[in-house]
């Protein structure tokens, strides 16, 4: 695993927290879904 430090707007993190109790897992799954969608499009 590689640690990546990134900043998000407060409103975006608030939206993440509304959807999941684990914001880090939610963000990881969102990134994985985006990469998968890009691969399908390519």
ModelCIF file with pLDDT and N, C-alpha, C, O atoms, coordinates in Angstrom:
data_MODEL
#
_entry.id   MODEL 
#
_entity.id                         1 
_entity.type                       polymer 
_entity.pdbx_number_of_molecules   1 
#
_entity_poly.entity_id                      1 
_entity_poly.type                           'polypeptide(L)' 
_entity_poly.nstd_linkage                   no 
_entity_poly.nstd_monomer                   no 
_entity_poly.pdbx_seq_one_letter_code       
;(UNK)(UNK)(UNK)(UNK)(UNK)(UNK)(UNK)(UNK)(UNK)(UNK)(UNK)(UNK)(UNK)(UNK)(UNK)(UNK)
(UNK)(UNK)(UNK)(UNK)(UNK)(UNK)(UNK)(UNK)(UNK)(UNK)(UNK)(UNK)(UNK)(UNK)(UNK)(UNK)
(UNK)(UNK)(UNK)(UNK)(UNK)(UNK)(UNK)(UNK)(UNK)(UNK)
;
_entity_poly.pdbx_seq_one_letter_code_can   XXXXXXXXXXXXXXXXXXXXXXXXXXXXXXXXXXXXXXXXXX 
_entity_poly.pdbx_strand_id                 A 
#
loop_
_entity_poly_seq.entity_id 
_entity_poly_seq.num 
_entity_poly_seq.mon_id 
_entity_poly_seq.hetero 
1 1  UNK n 
1 2  UNK n 
1 3  UNK n 
1 4  UNK n 
1 5  UNK n 
1 6  UNK n 
1 7  UNK n 
1 8  UNK n 
1 9  UNK n 
1 10 UNK n 
1 11 UNK n 
1 12 UNK n 
1 13 UNK n 
1 14 UNK n 
1 15 UNK n 
1 16 UNK n 
1 17 UNK n 
1 18 UNK n 
1 19 UNK n 
1 20 UNK n 
1 21 UNK n 
1 22 UNK n 
1 23 UNK n 
1 24 UNK n 
1 25 UNK n 
1 26 UNK n 
1 27 UNK n 
1 28 UNK n 
1 29 UNK n 
1 30 UNK n 
1 31 UNK n 
1 32 UNK n 
1 33 UNK n 
1 34 UNK n 
1 35 UNK n 
1 36 UNK n 
1 37 UNK n 
1 38 UNK n 
1 39 UNK n 
1 40 UNK n 
1 41 UNK n 
1 42 UNK n 
#
_struct_asym.id          A 
_struct_asym.entity_id   1 
#
loop_
_ma_qa_metric.id 
_ma_qa_metric.mode 
_ma_qa_metric.name 
_ma_qa_metric.software_group_id 
_ma_qa_metric.type 
1 global pLDDT . pLDDT 
2 local  pLDDT . pLDDT 
#
_ma_qa_metric_global.metric_id      1 
_ma_qa_metric_global.metric_value   91.62 
_ma_qa_metric_global.model_id       1 
_ma_qa_metric_global.ordinal_id     1 
#
loop_
_ma_qa_metric_local.label_asym_id 
_ma_qa_metric_local.label_comp_id 
_ma_qa_metric_local.label_seq_id 
_ma_qa_metric_local.metric_id 
_ma_qa_metric_local.metric_value 
_ma_qa_metric_local.model_id 
_ma_qa_metric_local.ordinal_id 
A UNK 1  2 85.00 1 1  
A UNK 2  2 88.00 1 2  
A UNK 3  2 88.00 1 3  
A UNK 4  2 88.00 1 4  
A UNK 5  2 89.00 1 5  
A UNK 6  2 89.00 1 6  
A UNK 7  2 92.00 1 7  
A UNK 8  2 92.00 1 8  
A UNK 9  2 94.00 1 9  
A UNK 10 2 95.00 1 10 
A UNK 11 2 95.00 1 11 
A UNK 12 2 94.00 1 12 
A UNK 13 2 93.00 1 13 
A UNK 14 2 94.00 1 14 
A UNK 15 2 94.00 1 15 
A UNK 16 2 93.00 1 16 
A UNK 17 2 94.00 1 17 
A UNK 18 2 94.00 1 18 
A UNK 19 2 92.00 1 19 
A UNK 20 2 91.00 1 20 
A UNK 21 2 90.00 1 21 
A UNK 22 2 90.00 1 22 
A UNK 23 2 90.00 1 23 
A UNK 24 2 89.00 1 24 
A UNK 25 2 89.00 1 25 
A UNK 26 2 93.00 1 26 
A UNK 27 2 92.00 1 27 
A UNK 28 2 90.00 1 28 
A UNK 29 2 91.00 1 29 
A UNK 30 2 94.00 1 30 
A UNK 31 2 92.00 1 31 
A UNK 32 2 89.00 1 32 
A UNK 33 2 92.00 1 33 
A UNK 34 2 94.00 1 34 
A UNK 35 2 92.00 1 35 
A UNK 36 2 90.00 1 36 
A UNK 37 2 92.00 1 37 
A UNK 38 2 94.00 1 38 
A UNK 39 2 91.00 1 39 
A UNK 40 2 92.00 1 40 
A UNK 41 2 94.00 1 41 
A UNK 42 2 94.00 1 42 
#
loop_
_atom_site.group_PDB 
_atom_site.id 
_atom_site.type_symbol 
_atom_site.label_atom_id 
_atom_site.label_alt_id 
_atom_site.label_comp_id 
_atom_site.label_asym_id 
_atom_site.label_entity_id 
_atom_site.label_seq_id 
_atom_site.pdbx_PDB_ins_code 
_atom_site.Cartn_x 
_atom_site.Cartn_y 
_atom_site.Cartn_z 
_atom_site.occupancy 
_atom_site.B_iso_or_equiv 
_atom_site.pdbx_formal_charge 
_atom_site.auth_seq_id 
_atom_site.auth_comp_id 
_atom_site.auth_asym_id 
_atom_site.auth_atom_id 
_atom_site.pdbx_PDB_model_num 
ATOM 1   N N  . UNK A 1 1  ? 0.835   -1.197 0.000   1.00 85.00 ? 1  UNK A N  1 
ATOM 2   C CA . UNK A 1 1  ? 0.000   0.000  0.000   1.00 85.00 ? 1  UNK A CA 1 
ATOM 3   C C  . UNK A 1 1  ? 0.870   1.247  0.000   1.00 85.00 ? 1  UNK A C  1 
ATOM 4   O O  . UNK A 1 1  ? 1.972   1.248  0.548   1.00 85.00 ? 1  UNK A O  1 
ATOM 5   N N  . UNK A 1 2  ? 0.373   2.294  -0.611  1.00 88.00 ? 2  UNK A N  1 
ATOM 6   C CA . UNK A 1 2  ? 1.073   3.568  -0.693  1.00 88.00 ? 2  UNK A CA 1 
ATOM 7   C C  . UNK A 1 2  ? 0.186   4.643  -0.076  1.00 88.00 ? 2  UNK A C  1 
ATOM 8   O O  . UNK A 1 2  ? -0.995  4.742  -0.410  1.00 88.00 ? 2  UNK A O  1 
ATOM 9   N N  . UNK A 1 3  ? 0.741   5.435  0.807   1.00 88.00 ? 3  UNK A N  1 
ATOM 10  C CA . UNK A 1 3  ? -0.011  6.515  1.437   1.00 88.00 ? 3  UNK A CA 1 
ATOM 11  C C  . UNK A 1 3  ? -0.019  7.738  0.530   1.00 88.00 ? 3  UNK A C  1 
ATOM 12  O O  . UNK A 1 3  ? 1.031   8.192  0.073   1.00 88.00 ? 3  UNK A O  1 
ATOM 13  N N  . UNK A 1 4  ? -1.215  8.269  0.274   1.00 88.00 ? 4  UNK A N  1 
ATOM 14  C CA . UNK A 1 4  ? -1.375  9.453  -0.560  1.00 88.00 ? 4  UNK A CA 1 
ATOM 15  C C  . UNK A 1 4  ? -2.126  10.505 0.238   1.00 88.00 ? 4  UNK A C  1 
ATOM 16  O O  . UNK A 1 4  ? -3.221  10.251 0.741   1.00 88.00 ? 4  UNK A O  1 
ATOM 17  N N  . UNK A 1 5  ? -1.542  11.672 0.351   1.00 89.00 ? 5  UNK A N  1 
ATOM 18  C CA . UNK A 1 5  ? -2.186  12.763 1.076   1.00 89.00 ? 5  UNK A CA 1 
ATOM 19  C C  . UNK A 1 5  ? -2.872  13.690 0.076   1.00 89.00 ? 5  UNK A C  1 
ATOM 20  O O  . UNK A 1 5  ? -2.233  14.208 -0.840  1.00 89.00 ? 5  UNK A O  1 
ATOM 21  N N  . UNK A 1 6  ? -4.162  13.893 0.255   1.00 89.00 ? 6  UNK A N  1 
ATOM 22  C CA . UNK A 1 6  ? -4.919  14.726 -0.671  1.00 89.00 ? 6  UNK A CA 1 
ATOM 23  C C  . UNK A 1 6  ? -5.985  15.486 0.100   1.00 89.00 ? 6  UNK A C  1 
ATOM 24  O O  . UNK A 1 6  ? -6.552  14.968 1.062   1.00 89.00 ? 6  UNK A O  1 
ATOM 25  N N  . UNK A 1 7  ? -6.255  16.712 -0.323  1.00 92.00 ? 7  UNK A N  1 
ATOM 26  C CA . UNK A 1 7  ? -7.247  17.546 0.354   1.00 92.00 ? 7  UNK A CA 1 
ATOM 27  C C  . UNK A 1 7  ? -8.538  17.601 -0.473  1.00 92.00 ? 7  UNK A C  1 
ATOM 28  O O  . UNK A 1 7  ? -8.506  17.668 -1.702  1.00 92.00 ? 7  UNK A O  1 
ATOM 29  N N  . UNK A 1 8  ? -9.665  17.570 0.231   1.00 92.00 ? 8  UNK A N  1 
ATOM 30  C CA . UNK A 1 8  ? -10.975 17.656 -0.389  1.00 92.00 ? 8  UNK A CA 1 
ATOM 31  C C  . UNK A 1 8  ? -11.711 18.878 0.162   1.00 92.00 ? 8  UNK A C  1 
ATOM 32  O O  . UNK A 1 8  ? -11.446 19.298 1.289   1.00 92.00 ? 8  UNK A O  1 
ATOM 33  N N  . UNK A 1 9  ? -12.622 19.448 -0.610  1.00 94.00 ? 9  UNK A N  1 
ATOM 34  C CA . UNK A 1 9  ? -13.483 20.499 -0.054  1.00 94.00 ? 9  UNK A CA 1 
ATOM 35  C C  . UNK A 1 9  ? -14.311 19.948 1.108   1.00 94.00 ? 9  UNK A C  1 
ATOM 36  O O  . UNK A 1 9  ? -14.704 18.782 1.096   1.00 94.00 ? 9  UNK A O  1 
ATOM 37  N N  . UNK A 1 10 ? -14.567 20.774 2.088   1.00 95.00 ? 10 UNK A N  1 
ATOM 38  C CA . UNK A 1 10 ? -15.304 20.335 3.271   1.00 95.00 ? 10 UNK A CA 1 
ATOM 39  C C  . UNK A 1 10 ? -16.678 19.792 2.906   1.00 95.00 ? 10 UNK A C  1 
ATOM 40  O O  . UNK A 1 10 ? -17.144 18.820 3.500   1.00 95.00 ? 10 UNK A O  1 
ATOM 41  N N  . UNK A 1 11 ? -17.327 20.421 1.927   1.00 95.00 ? 11 UNK A N  1 
ATOM 42  C CA . UNK A 1 11 ? -18.663 19.973 1.533   1.00 95.00 ? 11 UNK A CA 1 
ATOM 43  C C  . UNK A 1 11 ? -18.621 18.571 0.926   1.00 95.00 ? 11 UNK A C  1 
ATOM 44  O O  . UNK A 1 11 ? -19.559 17.792 1.099   1.00 95.00 ? 11 UNK A O  1 
ATOM 45  N N  . UNK A 1 12 ? -17.544 18.249 0.218   1.00 94.00 ? 12 UNK A N  1 
ATOM 46  C CA . UNK A 1 12 ? -17.420 16.923 -0.384  1.00 94.00 ? 12 UNK A CA 1 
ATOM 47  C C  . UNK A 1 12 ? -17.234 15.860 0.697   1.00 94.00 ? 12 UNK A C  1 
ATOM 48  O O  . UNK A 1 12 ? -17.838 14.789 0.630   1.00 94.00 ? 12 UNK A O  1 
ATOM 49  N N  . UNK A 1 13 ? -16.403 16.154 1.689   1.00 93.00 ? 13 UNK A N  1 
ATOM 50  C CA . UNK A 1 13 ? -16.210 15.209 2.778   1.00 93.00 ? 13 UNK A CA 1 
ATOM 51  C C  . UNK A 1 13 ? -17.503 15.035 3.583   1.00 93.00 ? 13 UNK A C  1 
ATOM 52  O O  . UNK A 1 13 ? -17.807 13.937 4.050   1.00 93.00 ? 13 UNK A O  1 
ATOM 53  N N  . UNK A 1 14 ? -18.255 16.115 3.737   1.00 94.00 ? 14 UNK A N  1 
ATOM 54  C CA . UNK A 1 14 ? -19.533 16.015 4.443   1.00 94.00 ? 14 UNK A CA 1 
ATOM 55  C C  . UNK A 1 14 ? -20.483 15.088 3.690   1.00 94.00 ? 14 UNK A C  1 
ATOM 56  O O  . UNK A 1 14 ? -21.216 14.307 4.297   1.00 94.00 ? 14 UNK A O  1 
ATOM 57  N N  . UNK A 1 15 ? -20.459 15.185 2.350   1.00 94.00 ? 15 UNK A N  1 
ATOM 58  C CA . UNK A 1 15 ? -21.302 14.309 1.541   1.00 94.00 ? 15 UNK A CA 1 
ATOM 59  C C  . UNK A 1 15 ? -20.855 12.863 1.655   1.00 94.00 ? 15 UNK A C  1 
ATOM 60  O O  . UNK A 1 15 ? -21.687 11.956 1.674   1.00 94.00 ? 15 UNK A O  1 
ATOM 61  N N  . UNK A 1 16 ? -19.550 12.638 1.733   1.00 93.00 ? 16 UNK A N  1 
ATOM 62  C CA . UNK A 1 16 ? -19.024 11.280 1.907   1.00 93.00 ? 16 UNK A CA 1 
ATOM 63  C C  . UNK A 1 16 ? -19.468 10.717 3.248   1.00 93.00 ? 16 UNK A C  1 
ATOM 64  O O  . UNK A 1 16 ? -19.900 9.568  3.336   1.00 93.00 ? 16 UNK A O  1 
ATOM 65  N N  . UNK A 1 17 ? -19.359 11.533 4.295   1.00 94.00 ? 17 UNK A N  1 
ATOM 66  C CA . UNK A 1 17 ? -19.731 11.074 5.634   1.00 94.00 ? 17 UNK A CA 1 
ATOM 67  C C  . UNK A 1 17 ? -21.211 10.746 5.735   1.00 94.00 ? 17 UNK A C  1 
ATOM 68  O O  . UNK A 1 17 ? -21.607 9.896  6.532   1.00 94.00 ? 17 UNK A O  1 
ATOM 69  N N  . UNK A 1 18 ? -22.031 11.415 4.929   1.00 94.00 ? 18 UNK A N  1 
ATOM 70  C CA . UNK A 1 18 ? -23.459 11.115 4.935   1.00 94.00 ? 18 UNK A CA 1 
ATOM 71  C C  . UNK A 1 18 ? -23.752 9.748  4.330   1.00 94.00 ? 18 UNK A C  1 
ATOM 72  O O  . UNK A 1 18 ? -24.757 9.115  4.654   1.00 94.00 ? 18 UNK A O  1 
ATOM 73  N N  . UNK A 1 19 ? -22.863 9.303  3.450   1.00 92.00 ? 19 UNK A N  1 
ATOM 74  C CA . UNK A 1 19 ? -23.090 8.059  2.713   1.00 92.00 ? 19 UNK A CA 1 
ATOM 75  C C  . UNK A 1 19 ? -22.370 6.862  3.325   1.00 92.00 ? 19 UNK A C  1 
ATOM 76  O O  . UNK A 1 19 ? -22.714 5.716  3.033   1.00 92.00 ? 19 UNK A O  1 
ATOM 77  N N  . UNK A 1 20 ? -21.381 7.117  4.166   1.00 91.00 ? 20 UNK A N  1 
ATOM 78  C CA . UNK A 1 20 ? -20.606 6.000  4.710   1.00 91.00 ? 20 UNK A CA 1 
ATOM 79  C C  . UNK A 1 20 ? -20.019 6.374  6.054   1.00 91.00 ? 20 UNK A C  1 
ATOM 80  O O  . UNK A 1 20 ? -19.664 7.526  6.302   1.00 91.00 ? 20 UNK A O  1 
ATOM 81  N N  . UNK A 1 21 ? -19.925 5.381  6.910   1.00 90.00 ? 21 UNK A N  1 
ATOM 82  C CA . UNK A 1 21 ? -19.297 5.594  8.215   1.00 90.00 ? 21 UNK A CA 1 
ATOM 83  C C  . UNK A 1 21 ? -17.778 5.481  8.128   1.00 90.00 ? 21 UNK A C  1 
ATOM 84  O O  . UNK A 1 21 ? -17.072 5.827  9.074   1.00 90.00 ? 21 UNK A O  1 
ATOM 85  N N  . UNK A 1 22 ? -17.280 4.999  6.999   1.00 90.00 ? 22 UNK A N  1 
ATOM 86  C CA . UNK A 1 22 ? -15.839 4.850  6.782   1.00 90.00 ? 22 UNK A CA 1 
ATOM 87  C C  . UNK A 1 22 ? -15.458 5.647  5.535   1.00 90.00 ? 22 UNK A C  1 
ATOM 88  O O  . UNK A 1 22 ? -15.526 5.137  4.417   1.00 90.00 ? 22 UNK A O  1 
ATOM 89  N N  . UNK A 1 23 ? -15.057 6.898  5.738   1.00 90.00 ? 23 UNK A N  1 
ATOM 90  C CA . UNK A 1 23 ? -14.778 7.767  4.601   1.00 90.00 ? 23 UNK A CA 1 
ATOM 91  C C  . UNK A 1 23 ? -13.612 7.275  3.759   1.00 90.00 ? 23 UNK A C  1 
ATOM 92  O O  . UNK A 1 23 ? -13.600 7.464  2.542   1.00 90.00 ? 23 UNK A O  1 
ATOM 93  N N  . UNK A 1 24 ? -12.622 6.641  4.404   1.00 89.00 ? 24 UNK A N  1 
ATOM 94  C CA . UNK A 1 24 ? -11.456 6.182  3.651   1.00 89.00 ? 24 UNK A CA 1 
ATOM 95  C C  . UNK A 1 24 ? -11.823 5.020  2.728   1.00 89.00 ? 24 UNK A C  1 
ATOM 96  O O  . UNK A 1 24 ? -11.375 4.965  1.582   1.00 89.00 ? 24 UNK A O  1 
ATOM 97  N N  . UNK A 1 25 ? -12.633 4.101  3.229   1.00 89.00 ? 25 UNK A N  1 
ATOM 98  C CA . UNK A 1 25 ? -13.090 2.992  2.395   1.00 89.00 ? 25 UNK A CA 1 
ATOM 99  C C  . UNK A 1 25 ? -13.963 3.497  1.264   1.00 89.00 ? 25 UNK A C  1 
ATOM 100 O O  . UNK A 1 25 ? -13.875 2.996  0.143   1.00 89.00 ? 25 UNK A O  1 
ATOM 101 N N  . UNK A 1 26 ? -14.798 4.474  1.538   1.00 93.00 ? 26 UNK A N  1 
ATOM 102 C CA . UNK A 1 26 ? -15.678 5.037  0.513   1.00 93.00 ? 26 UNK A CA 1 
ATOM 103 C C  . UNK A 1 26 ? -14.856 5.677  -0.608  1.00 93.00 ? 26 UNK A C  1 
ATOM 104 O O  . UNK A 1 26 ? -15.146 5.475  -1.787  1.00 93.00 ? 26 UNK A O  1 
ATOM 105 N N  . UNK A 1 27 ? -13.844 6.440  -0.241  1.00 92.00 ? 27 UNK A N  1 
ATOM 106 C CA . UNK A 1 27 ? -13.006 7.106  -1.247  1.00 92.00 ? 27 UNK A CA 1 
ATOM 107 C C  . UNK A 1 27 ? -12.225 6.086  -2.064  1.00 92.00 ? 27 UNK A C  1 
ATOM 108 O O  . UNK A 1 27 ? -12.092 6.232  -3.279  1.00 92.00 ? 27 UNK A O  1 
ATOM 109 N N  . UNK A 1 28 ? -11.697 5.036  -1.390  1.00 90.00 ? 28 UNK A N  1 
ATOM 110 C CA . UNK A 1 28 ? -10.980 3.992  -2.121  1.00 90.00 ? 28 UNK A CA 1 
ATOM 111 C C  . UNK A 1 28 ? -11.889 3.325  -3.149  1.00 90.00 ? 28 UNK A C  1 
ATOM 112 O O  . UNK A 1 28 ? -11.490 3.102  -4.292  1.00 90.00 ? 28 UNK A O  1 
ATOM 113 N N  . UNK A 1 29 ? -13.120 3.009  -2.731  1.00 91.00 ? 29 UNK A N  1 
ATOM 114 C CA . UNK A 1 29 ? -14.046 2.350  -3.649  1.00 91.00 ? 29 UNK A CA 1 
ATOM 115 C C  . UNK A 1 29 ? -14.446 3.273  -4.787  1.00 91.00 ? 29 UNK A C  1 
ATOM 116 O O  . UNK A 1 29 ? -14.646 2.820  -5.914  1.00 91.00 ? 29 UNK A O  1 
ATOM 117 N N  . UNK A 1 30 ? -14.564 4.571  -4.499  1.00 94.00 ? 30 UNK A N  1 
ATOM 118 C CA . UNK A 1 30 ? -14.904 5.530  -5.547  1.00 94.00 ? 30 UNK A CA 1 
ATOM 119 C C  . UNK A 1 30 ? -13.791 5.637  -6.584  1.00 94.00 ? 30 UNK A C  1 
ATOM 120 O O  . UNK A 1 30 ? -14.059 5.697  -7.784  1.00 94.00 ? 30 UNK A O  1 
ATOM 121 N N  . UNK A 1 31 ? -12.544 5.660  -6.122  1.00 92.00 ? 31 UNK A N  1 
ATOM 122 C CA . UNK A 1 31 ? -11.401 5.711  -7.050  1.00 92.00 ? 31 UNK A CA 1 
ATOM 123 C C  . UNK A 1 31 ? -11.339 4.438  -7.888  1.00 92.00 ? 31 UNK A C  1 
ATOM 124 O O  . UNK A 1 31 ? -11.124 4.501  -9.098  1.00 92.00 ? 31 UNK A O  1 
ATOM 125 N N  . UNK A 1 32 ? -11.529 3.271  -7.243  1.00 89.00 ? 32 UNK A N  1 
ATOM 126 C CA . UNK A 1 32 ? -11.504 2.003  -7.967  1.00 89.00 ? 32 UNK A CA 1 
ATOM 127 C C  . UNK A 1 32 ? -12.594 1.956  -9.028  1.00 89.00 ? 32 UNK A C  1 
ATOM 128 O O  . UNK A 1 32 ? -12.371 1.466  -10.136 1.00 89.00 ? 32 UNK A O  1 
ATOM 129 N N  . UNK A 1 33 ? -13.780 2.470  -8.685  1.00 92.00 ? 33 UNK A N  1 
ATOM 130 C CA . UNK A 1 33 ? -14.891 2.483  -9.648  1.00 92.00 ? 33 UNK A CA 1 
ATOM 131 C C  . UNK A 1 33 ? -14.578 3.392  -10.832 1.00 92.00 ? 33 UNK A C  1 
ATOM 132 O O  . UNK A 1 33 ? -14.915 3.073  -11.972 1.00 92.00 ? 33 UNK A O  1 
ATOM 133 N N  . UNK A 1 34 ? -13.932 4.529  -10.557 1.00 94.00 ? 34 UNK A N  1 
ATOM 134 C CA . UNK A 1 34 ? -13.590 5.462  -11.633 1.00 94.00 ? 34 UNK A CA 1 
ATOM 135 C C  . UNK A 1 34 ? -12.544 4.854  -12.573 1.00 94.00 ? 34 UNK A C  1 
ATOM 136 O O  . UNK A 1 34 ? -12.642 4.992  -13.793 1.00 94.00 ? 34 UNK A O  1 
ATOM 137 N N  . UNK A 1 35 ? -11.544 4.182  -11.995 1.00 92.00 ? 35 UNK A N  1 
ATOM 138 C CA . UNK A 1 35 ? -10.516 3.533  -12.817 1.00 92.00 ? 35 UNK A CA 1 
ATOM 139 C C  . UNK A 1 35 ? -11.130 2.430  -13.664 1.00 92.00 ? 35 UNK A C  1 
ATOM 140 O O  . UNK A 1 35 ? -10.794 2.275  -14.838 1.00 92.00 ? 35 UNK A O  1 
ATOM 141 N N  . UNK A 1 36 ? -12.033 1.665  -13.060 1.00 90.00 ? 36 UNK A N  1 
ATOM 142 C CA . UNK A 1 36 ? -12.697 0.592  -13.798 1.00 90.00 ? 36 UNK A CA 1 
ATOM 143 C C  . UNK A 1 36 ? -13.540 1.150  -14.940 1.00 90.00 ? 36 UNK A C  1 
ATOM 144 O O  . UNK A 1 36 ? -13.543 0.595  -16.039 1.00 90.00 ? 36 UNK A O  1 
ATOM 145 N N  . UNK A 1 37 ? -14.257 2.250  -14.684 1.00 92.00 ? 37 UNK A N  1 
ATOM 146 C CA . UNK A 1 37 ? -15.072 2.870  -15.730 1.00 92.00 ? 37 UNK A CA 1 
ATOM 147 C C  . UNK A 1 37 ? -14.201 3.387  -16.870 1.00 92.00 ? 37 UNK A C  1 
ATOM 148 O O  . UNK A 1 37 ? -14.558 3.251  -18.040 1.00 92.00 ? 37 UNK A O  1 
ATOM 149 N N  . UNK A 1 38 ? -13.054 3.981  -16.526 1.00 94.00 ? 38 UNK A N  1 
ATOM 150 C CA . UNK A 1 38 ? -12.130 4.467  -17.564 1.00 94.00 ? 38 UNK A CA 1 
ATOM 151 C C  . UNK A 1 38 ? -11.612 3.306  -18.413 1.00 94.00 ? 38 UNK A C  1 
ATOM 152 O O  . UNK A 1 38 ? -11.508 3.421  -19.634 1.00 94.00 ? 38 UNK A O  1 
ATOM 153 N N  . UNK A 1 39 ? -11.289 2.192  -17.765 1.00 91.00 ? 39 UNK A N  1 
ATOM 154 C CA . UNK A 1 39 ? -10.785 1.030  -18.496 1.00 91.00 ? 39 UNK A CA 1 
ATOM 155 C C  . UNK A 1 39 ? -11.841 0.494  -19.462 1.00 91.00 ? 39 UNK A C  1 
ATOM 156 O O  . UNK A 1 39 ? -11.522 0.122  -20.591 1.00 91.00 ? 39 UNK A O  1 
ATOM 157 N N  . UNK A 1 40 ? -13.093 0.455  -19.017 1.00 92.00 ? 40 UNK A N  1 
ATOM 158 C CA . UNK A 1 40 ? -14.177 -0.011 -19.892 1.00 92.00 ? 40 UNK A CA 1 
ATOM 159 C C  . UNK A 1 40 ? -14.363 0.934  -21.077 1.00 92.00 ? 40 UNK A C  1 
ATOM 160 O O  . UNK A 1 40 ? -14.577 0.491  -22.205 1.00 92.00 ? 40 UNK A O  1 
ATOM 161 N N  . UNK A 1 41 ? -14.280 2.228  -20.815 1.00 94.00 ? 41 UNK A N  1 
ATOM 162 C CA . UNK A 1 41 ? -14.435 3.215  -21.884 1.00 94.00 ? 41 UNK A CA 1 
ATOM 163 C C  . UNK A 1 41 ? -13.298 3.105  -22.898 1.00 94.00 ? 41 UNK A C  1 
ATOM 164 O O  . UNK A 1 41 ? -13.525 3.204  -24.104 1.00 94.00 ? 41 UNK A O  1 
ATOM 165 N N  . UNK A 1 42 ? -12.078 2.903  -22.408 1.00 94.00 ? 42 UNK A N  1 
ATOM 166 C CA . UNK A 1 42 ? -10.934 2.752  -23.309 1.00 94.00 ? 42 UNK A CA 1 
ATOM 167 C C  . UNK A 1 42 ? -11.073 1.497  -24.163 1.00 94.00 ? 42 UNK A C  1 
ATOM 168 O O  . UNK A 1 42 ? -10.201 1.207  -24.982 1.00 94.00 ? 42 UNK A O  1 
#
